[in-house]
Amino acid sequence: MPQDSSKIKTTRYFESFATQKHPEIEQGWIKQVLERPVKTEKQTNNRISYWGNIEEAGGRALRVITLEDGETVHNAYFDRNFFRRQQRGEEPK
């Protein structure tokens, strides 16, 4: 499937911190999770968490956090706890 080459919207935090801490996370994976999440949850601070499994990363669960607009990415990281809950059948796959 061809990837959309347009750049994702991000916060200054994401650009200066999250990409440095998690350089292995590809922009295409973030888009994939936002377009087809296995779970979505609104946080108490009105940000939105999206989870999706990345086949190219061994099926690991990627958590993408956006601002309340649902498209501006604030953070993205592999969520081991969510992945473990998936393995136990406590979260959707």
N, C-alpha and C. Protein backbone atom coordinates (compact mmCIF):
# COMPACT_ATOMS: atom_id res chain seq x y z
N MET A 1 0.85 -1.18 0.00
CA MET A 1 0.00 0.00 0.00
C MET A 1 0.90 1.24 0.00
N PRO A 2 0.69 2.18 -0.92
CA PRO A 2 1.53 3.37 -0.97
C PRO A 2 1.32 4.25 0.25
N GLN A 3 2.40 4.80 0.78
CA GLN A 3 2.32 5.69 1.93
C GLN A 3 2.11 7.12 1.47
N ASP A 4 1.29 7.86 2.20
CA ASP A 4 1.08 9.28 1.95
C ASP A 4 2.36 10.02 2.35
N SER A 5 2.90 10.80 1.47
CA SER A 5 4.17 11.47 1.74
C SER A 5 4.00 12.78 2.50
N SER A 6 2.77 13.20 2.77
CA SER A 6 2.57 14.45 3.49
C SER A 6 3.03 14.31 4.93
N LYS A 7 3.55 15.40 5.45
CA LYS A 7 4.10 15.42 6.80
C LYS A 7 2.97 15.48 7.83
N ILE A 8 3.17 14.77 8.93
CA ILE A 8 2.16 14.81 9.99
C ILE A 8 2.33 16.10 10.79
N LYS A 9 1.22 16.57 11.37
CA LYS A 9 1.27 17.74 12.24
C LYS A 9 1.79 17.30 13.59
N THR A 10 2.72 18.08 14.15
CA THR A 10 3.31 17.72 15.43
C THR A 10 3.45 18.94 16.34
N THR A 11 3.61 18.66 17.63
CA THR A 11 3.87 19.73 18.60
C THR A 11 5.37 19.98 18.69
N ARG A 12 5.74 21.06 19.29
CA ARG A 12 7.15 21.37 19.51
C ARG A 12 7.77 20.30 20.42
N TYR A 13 7.00 19.82 21.41
CA TYR A 13 7.49 18.75 22.29
C TYR A 13 7.86 17.52 21.48
N PHE A 14 7.00 17.13 20.57
CA PHE A 14 7.27 15.94 19.75
C PHE A 14 8.56 16.13 18.95
N GLU A 15 8.68 17.28 18.30
CA GLU A 15 9.85 17.54 17.46
C GLU A 15 11.14 17.59 18.26
N SER A 16 11.11 18.18 19.46
CA SER A 16 12.36 18.37 20.20
C SER A 16 12.68 17.24 21.17
N PHE A 17 11.69 16.49 21.64
CA PHE A 17 11.96 15.47 22.64
C PHE A 17 11.61 14.06 22.18
N ALA A 18 10.38 13.85 21.76
CA ALA A 18 9.91 12.50 21.45
C ALA A 18 10.70 11.87 20.30
N THR A 19 11.01 12.63 19.28
CA THR A 19 11.76 12.06 18.16
C THR A 19 13.19 11.73 18.55
N GLN A 20 13.73 12.46 19.52
CA GLN A 20 15.08 12.17 20.00
C GLN A 20 15.09 10.91 20.87
N LYS A 21 14.08 10.76 21.69
CA LYS A 21 14.00 9.62 22.60
C LYS A 21 13.63 8.33 21.87
N HIS A 22 12.85 8.44 20.80
CA HIS A 22 12.37 7.26 20.06
C HIS A 22 12.63 7.40 18.57
N PRO A 23 13.90 7.47 18.17
CA PRO A 23 14.21 7.69 16.74
C PRO A 23 13.81 6.52 15.85
N GLU A 24 13.57 5.34 16.43
CA GLU A 24 13.20 4.16 15.64
C GLU A 24 11.78 4.21 15.11
N ILE A 25 10.97 5.11 15.64
CA ILE A 25 9.57 5.18 15.23
C ILE A 25 9.45 5.96 13.92
N GLU A 26 8.88 5.30 12.93
CA GLU A 26 8.75 5.90 11.61
C GLU A 26 7.44 6.69 11.48
N GLN A 27 7.50 7.76 10.72
CA GLN A 27 6.32 8.60 10.51
C GLN A 27 5.17 7.80 9.90
N GLY A 28 5.49 6.89 9.01
CA GLY A 28 4.45 6.05 8.39
C GLY A 28 3.72 5.19 9.41
N TRP A 29 4.44 4.74 10.43
CA TRP A 29 3.80 3.94 11.48
C TRP A 29 2.82 4.79 12.29
N ILE A 30 3.20 6.04 12.54
CA ILE A 30 2.31 6.95 13.28
C ILE A 30 1.03 7.16 12.47
N LYS A 31 1.17 7.42 11.17
CA LYS A 31 0.00 7.59 10.31
C LYS A 31 -0.88 6.35 10.32
N GLN A 32 -0.25 5.18 10.26
CA GLN A 32 -0.98 3.92 10.26
C GLN A 32 -1.83 3.78 11.53
N VAL A 33 -1.25 4.09 12.68
CA VAL A 33 -1.98 3.98 13.94
C VAL A 33 -3.14 4.99 13.99
N LEU A 34 -2.90 6.20 13.53
CA LEU A 34 -3.96 7.22 13.54
C LEU A 34 -5.11 6.85 12.59
N GLU A 35 -4.77 6.22 11.47
CA GLU A 35 -5.80 5.85 10.49
C GLU A 35 -6.54 4.58 10.86
N ARG A 36 -5.86 3.62 11.51
CA ARG A 36 -6.48 2.33 11.83
C ARG A 36 -6.09 1.87 13.24
N PRO A 37 -6.50 2.59 14.27
CA PRO A 37 -6.13 2.18 15.63
C PRO A 37 -6.89 0.92 16.06
N VAL A 38 -6.26 0.14 16.93
CA VAL A 38 -6.98 -1.00 17.52
C VAL A 38 -7.74 -0.54 18.76
N LYS A 39 -7.32 0.61 19.33
CA LYS A 39 -8.02 1.18 20.47
C LYS A 39 -7.76 2.68 20.50
N THR A 40 -8.76 3.44 20.91
CA THR A 40 -8.67 4.89 21.07
C THR A 40 -9.24 5.25 22.42
N GLU A 41 -8.61 6.20 23.10
CA GLU A 41 -9.09 6.58 24.42
C GLU A 41 -8.81 8.06 24.66
N LYS A 42 -9.83 8.79 25.12
CA LYS A 42 -9.65 10.19 25.45
C LYS A 42 -9.08 10.27 26.86
N GLN A 43 -8.01 11.04 27.03
CA GLN A 43 -7.38 11.20 28.32
C GLN A 43 -8.06 12.31 29.11
N THR A 44 -7.79 12.39 30.40
CA THR A 44 -8.41 13.42 31.23
C THR A 44 -7.97 14.83 30.85
N ASN A 45 -6.81 14.96 30.20
CA ASN A 45 -6.33 16.28 29.76
C ASN A 45 -6.80 16.63 28.35
N ASN A 46 -7.78 15.87 27.84
CA ASN A 46 -8.38 16.05 26.51
C ASN A 46 -7.49 15.61 25.36
N ARG A 47 -6.31 15.10 25.64
CA ARG A 47 -5.51 14.50 24.57
C ARG A 47 -6.11 13.14 24.25
N ILE A 48 -5.75 12.61 23.10
CA ILE A 48 -6.32 11.34 22.66
C ILE A 48 -5.19 10.34 22.42
N SER A 49 -5.34 9.15 23.00
CA SER A 49 -4.37 8.07 22.79
C SER A 49 -4.91 7.10 21.76
N TYR A 50 -4.04 6.71 20.85
CA TYR A 50 -4.35 5.72 19.82
C TYR A 50 -3.31 4.61 19.95
N TRP A 51 -3.75 3.37 19.85
CA TRP A 51 -2.82 2.24 19.86
C TRP A 51 -2.99 1.44 18.58
N GLY A 52 -1.88 0.92 18.09
CA GLY A 52 -1.90 0.04 16.93
C GLY A 52 -0.67 -0.84 16.96
N ASN A 53 -0.77 -1.99 16.34
CA ASN A 53 0.37 -2.91 16.29
C ASN A 53 1.13 -2.73 14.98
N ILE A 54 2.44 -2.68 15.09
CA ILE A 54 3.31 -2.45 13.95
C ILE A 54 3.96 -3.77 13.57
N GLU A 55 3.50 -4.34 12.48
CA GLU A 55 3.99 -5.63 12.01
C GLU A 55 5.50 -5.61 11.77
N GLU A 56 6.00 -4.52 11.17
CA GLU A 56 7.42 -4.41 10.85
C GLU A 56 8.31 -4.31 12.09
N ALA A 57 7.69 -4.07 13.23
CA ALA A 57 8.43 -3.98 14.50
C ALA A 57 8.09 -5.17 15.40
N GLY A 58 7.84 -6.31 14.79
CA GLY A 58 7.55 -7.51 15.56
C GLY A 58 6.18 -7.53 16.21
N GLY A 59 5.26 -6.72 15.66
CA GLY A 59 3.90 -6.68 16.21
C GLY A 59 3.77 -5.83 17.45
N ARG A 60 4.83 -5.11 17.80
CA ARG A 60 4.79 -4.27 19.01
C ARG A 60 3.67 -3.24 18.92
N ALA A 61 3.16 -2.84 20.11
CA ALA A 61 2.07 -1.87 20.19
C ALA A 61 2.64 -0.46 20.24
N LEU A 62 2.27 0.36 19.26
CA LEU A 62 2.68 1.76 19.21
C LEU A 62 1.55 2.61 19.75
N ARG A 63 1.87 3.45 20.73
CA ARG A 63 0.89 4.40 21.27
C ARG A 63 1.22 5.77 20.72
N VAL A 64 0.21 6.40 20.13
CA VAL A 64 0.36 7.75 19.59
C VAL A 64 -0.60 8.65 20.36
N ILE A 65 -0.08 9.74 20.89
CA ILE A 65 -0.90 10.68 21.65
C ILE A 65 -1.00 11.97 20.86
N THR A 66 -2.24 12.40 20.63
CA THR A 66 -2.47 13.65 19.90
C THR A 66 -3.09 14.68 20.83
N LEU A 67 -3.05 15.92 20.37
CA LEU A 67 -3.80 16.97 21.06
C LEU A 67 -5.28 16.70 20.86
N GLU A 68 -6.12 17.51 21.46
CA GLU A 68 -7.56 17.28 21.40
C GLU A 68 -8.13 17.32 19.98
N ASP A 69 -7.38 17.86 19.01
CA ASP A 69 -7.86 17.89 17.63
C ASP A 69 -7.79 16.51 16.97
N GLY A 70 -7.10 15.56 17.60
CA GLY A 70 -7.02 14.21 17.07
C GLY A 70 -6.06 14.03 15.91
N GLU A 71 -5.30 15.07 15.56
CA GLU A 71 -4.35 14.93 14.45
C GLU A 71 -2.96 15.49 14.73
N THR A 72 -2.82 16.40 15.69
CA THR A 72 -1.51 16.95 16.01
C THR A 72 -0.82 16.02 16.99
N VAL A 73 0.26 15.37 16.54
CA VAL A 73 0.94 14.37 17.35
C VAL A 73 1.81 15.03 18.41
N HIS A 74 1.60 14.61 19.66
CA HIS A 74 2.36 15.13 20.80
C HIS A 74 3.42 14.14 21.27
N ASN A 75 3.13 12.83 21.16
CA ASN A 75 4.07 11.82 21.61
C ASN A 75 3.79 10.51 20.88
N ALA A 76 4.81 9.66 20.78
CA ALA A 76 4.64 8.33 20.19
C ALA A 76 5.72 7.44 20.76
N TYR A 77 5.32 6.26 21.22
CA TYR A 77 6.28 5.32 21.78
C TYR A 77 5.68 3.92 21.78
N PHE A 78 6.57 2.93 21.86
CA PHE A 78 6.10 1.55 21.95
C PHE A 78 5.65 1.31 23.39
N ASP A 79 4.41 0.85 23.53
CA ASP A 79 3.77 0.67 24.84
C ASP A 79 3.82 -0.81 25.23
N ARG A 80 4.83 -1.17 26.01
CA ARG A 80 5.00 -2.56 26.44
C ARG A 80 3.83 -3.06 27.28
N ASN A 81 3.31 -2.19 28.13
CA ASN A 81 2.20 -2.62 29.00
C ASN A 81 0.96 -2.97 28.18
N PHE A 82 0.64 -2.14 27.20
CA PHE A 82 -0.50 -2.43 26.33
C PHE A 82 -0.28 -3.74 25.59
N PHE A 83 0.94 -3.93 25.05
CA PHE A 83 1.27 -5.16 24.32
C PHE A 83 1.09 -6.39 25.22
N ARG A 84 1.56 -6.29 26.45
CA ARG A 84 1.41 -7.42 27.40
C ARG A 84 -0.07 -7.69 27.69
N ARG A 85 -0.85 -6.63 27.85
CA ARG A 85 -2.29 -6.83 28.08
C ARG A 85 -2.94 -7.47 26.86
N GLN A 86 -2.47 -7.13 25.65
CA GLN A 86 -2.98 -7.77 24.44
C GLN A 86 -2.68 -9.27 24.48
N GLN A 87 -1.47 -9.62 24.88
CA GLN A 87 -1.08 -11.02 24.93
C GLN A 87 -1.93 -11.82 25.91
N ARG A 88 -2.38 -11.15 26.97
CA ARG A 88 -3.25 -11.80 27.96
C ARG A 88 -4.72 -11.75 27.56
N GLY A 89 -5.03 -11.10 26.43
CA GLY A 89 -6.41 -11.00 25.96
C GLY A 89 -7.21 -9.89 26.63
N GLU A 90 -6.52 -8.97 27.29
CA GLU A 90 -7.19 -7.88 27.99
C GLU A 90 -7.38 -6.63 27.12
N GLU A 91 -6.76 -6.60 25.96
CA GLU A 91 -6.87 -5.46 25.03
C GLU A 91 -7.10 -6.02 23.63
N PRO A 92 -7.74 -5.24 22.76
CA PRO A 92 -7.96 -5.70 21.37
C PRO A 92 -6.66 -5.80 20.61
N LYS A 93 -6.62 -6.69 19.62
CA LYS A 93 -5.46 -6.83 18.74
C LYS A 93 -5.76 -6.28 17.37
